[in-house]
Amino acid sequence: MKLRVILETSDEGGYTALVPSLPGCISEGNTKKEALKNIREAIELYLEPVEDDAASAADSEQLEIAV
C-alpha cells in the first residue's frame, strides 16, 4: 500500500509527518529519517484495528481495488 506523507519542519525543531488520507495520523522525529520511521509505525497502528475487524467477521471477504 502506498500513502502520501507530508513532511514539514517543526517550529520546535525536527520534523512533523502526517498522512492526509488518514485523519489524525501524525508523528514527529528529530531527523527526516526518524520522522519517516515513526510515521510508518503510526500508519501500521492506525490501520491495525481495521484489519482486525475485517478478519474477525466470519462471512467477510477481503478484496483489493485500485482507485
C-alpha atoms as a PDB file:
ATOM      1  CA  MET A   1       0.000   0.000   0.000  1.00  0.00           C
ATOM      2  CA  LYS A   2       1.324   3.430  -0.880  1.00  0.00           C
ATOM      3  CA  LEU A   3       0.211   6.512   1.026  1.00  0.00           C
ATOM      4  CA  ARG A   4       1.221  10.128   0.564  1.00  0.00           C
ATOM      5  CA  VAL A   5       3.104  11.540   3.562  1.00  0.00           C
ATOM      6  CA  ILE A   6       3.679  15.245   4.123  1.00  0.00           C
ATOM      7  CA  LEU A   7       6.916  16.064   5.920  1.00  0.00           C
ATOM      8  CA  GLU A   8       7.237  19.537   7.443  1.00  0.00           C
ATOM      9  CA  THR A   9       9.870  21.209   9.578  1.00  0.00           C
ATOM     10  CA  SER A  10       8.595  21.737  13.109  1.00  0.00           C
ATOM     11  CA  ASP A  11       8.747  25.104  14.868  1.00  0.00           C
ATOM     12  CA  GLU A  12      10.281  23.361  17.889  1.00  0.00           C
ATOM     13  CA  GLY A  13      12.916  21.673  15.738  1.00  0.00           C
ATOM     14  CA  GLY A  14      12.843  18.351  13.943  1.00  0.00           C
ATOM     15  CA  TYR A  15      10.113  17.237  11.579  1.00  0.00           C
ATOM     16  CA  THR A  16       6.391  16.526  11.628  1.00  0.00           C
ATOM     17  CA  ALA A  17       4.963  13.864   9.315  1.00  0.00           C
ATOM     18  CA  LEU A  18       1.279  13.467   8.514  1.00  0.00           C
ATOM     19  CA  VAL A  19      -0.856  11.335   6.226  1.00  0.00           C
ATOM     20  CA  PRO A  20      -3.692  13.364   4.653  1.00  0.00           C
ATOM     21  CA  SER A  21      -5.747  10.275   3.773  1.00  0.00           C
ATOM     22  CA  LEU A  22      -5.669   9.035   7.403  1.00  0.00           C
ATOM     23  CA  PRO A  23      -7.122  11.808   9.599  1.00  0.00           C
ATOM     24  CA  GLY A  24      -5.189  12.212  12.822  1.00  0.00           C
ATOM     25  CA  CYS A  25      -2.262  10.065  11.687  1.00  0.00           C
ATOM     26  CA  ILE A  26       0.631  12.331  12.667  1.00  0.00           C
ATOM     27  CA  SER A  27       4.108  11.690  14.032  1.00  0.00           C
ATOM     28  CA  GLU A  28       7.366  13.521  14.655  1.00  0.00           C
ATOM     29  CA  GLY A  29      11.099  12.930  14.669  1.00  0.00           C
ATOM     30  CA  ASN A  30      14.341  14.791  15.215  1.00  0.00           C
ATOM     31  CA  THR A  31      15.516  13.913  11.689  1.00  0.00           C
ATOM     32  CA  LYS A  32      13.709  13.198   8.411  1.00  0.00           C
ATOM     33  CA  LYS A  33      14.700   9.544   8.695  1.00  0.00           C
ATOM     34  CA  GLU A  34      13.332   9.280  12.246  1.00  0.00           C
ATOM     35  CA  ALA A  35      10.092  11.098  11.332  1.00  0.00           C
ATOM     36  CA  LEU A  36       9.523   8.718   8.393  1.00  0.00           C
ATOM     37  CA  LYS A  37      10.231   5.685  10.589  1.00  0.00           C
ATOM     38  CA  ASN A  38       7.794   6.974  13.189  1.00  0.00           C
ATOM     39  CA  ILE A  39       5.034   7.772  10.663  1.00  0.00           C
ATOM     40  CA  ARG A  40       5.376   4.270   9.187  1.00  0.00           C
ATOM     41  CA  GLU A  41       4.756   2.850  12.664  1.00  0.00           C
ATOM     42  CA  ALA A  42       1.850   5.266  13.199  1.00  0.00           C
ATOM     43  CA  ILE A  43       0.269   4.151   9.896  1.00  0.00           C
ATOM     44  CA  GLU A  44       0.570   0.487  10.887  1.00  0.00           C
ATOM     45  CA  LEU A  45      -1.059   1.190  14.263  1.00  0.00           C
ATOM     46  CA  TYR A  46      -3.749   3.341  12.632  1.00  0.00           C
ATOM     47  CA  LEU A  47      -4.704   0.587  10.193  1.00  0.00           C
ATOM     48  CA  GLU A  48      -4.399  -2.329  12.638  1.00  0.00           C
ATOM     49  CA  PRO A  49      -7.949  -2.101  14.092  1.00  0.00           C
ATOM     50  CA  VAL A  50      -9.412  -2.097  10.576  1.00  0.00           C
ATOM     51  CA  GLU A  51      -7.545  -5.280   9.691  1.00  0.00           C
ATOM     52  CA  ASP A  52      -8.593  -6.941  12.972  1.00  0.00           C
ATOM     53  CA  ASP A  53     -12.274  -6.076  12.401  1.00  0.00           C
ATOM     54  CA  ALA A  54     -12.255  -7.473   8.870  1.00  0.00           C
ATOM     55  CA  ALA A  55     -10.504 -10.690   9.915  1.00  0.00           C
ATOM     56  CA  SER A  56     -12.921 -11.346  12.777  1.00  0.00           C
ATOM     57  CA  ALA A  57     -16.097 -11.374  10.683  1.00  0.00           C
ATOM     58  CA  ALA A  58     -16.806 -14.969   9.624  1.00  0.00           C
ATOM     59  CA  ASP A  59     -18.642 -14.004   6.444  1.00  0.00           C
ATOM     60  CA  SER A  60     -16.246 -11.233   5.417  1.00  0.00           C
ATOM     61  CA  GLU A  61     -14.395 -11.145   2.135  1.00  0.00           C
ATOM     62  CA  GLN A  62     -11.213  -9.178   1.594  1.00  0.00           C
ATOM     63  CA  LEU A  63     -10.654  -7.580  -1.806  1.00  0.00           C
ATOM     64  CA  GLU A  64      -8.127  -5.191  -3.279  1.00  0.00           C
ATOM     65  CA  ILE A  65      -9.292  -2.426  -5.577  1.00  0.00           C
ATOM     66  CA  ALA A  66      -7.435   0.285  -7.431  1.00  0.00           C
ATOM     67  CA  VAL A  67      -8.637   3.848  -7.033  1.00  0.00           C
END
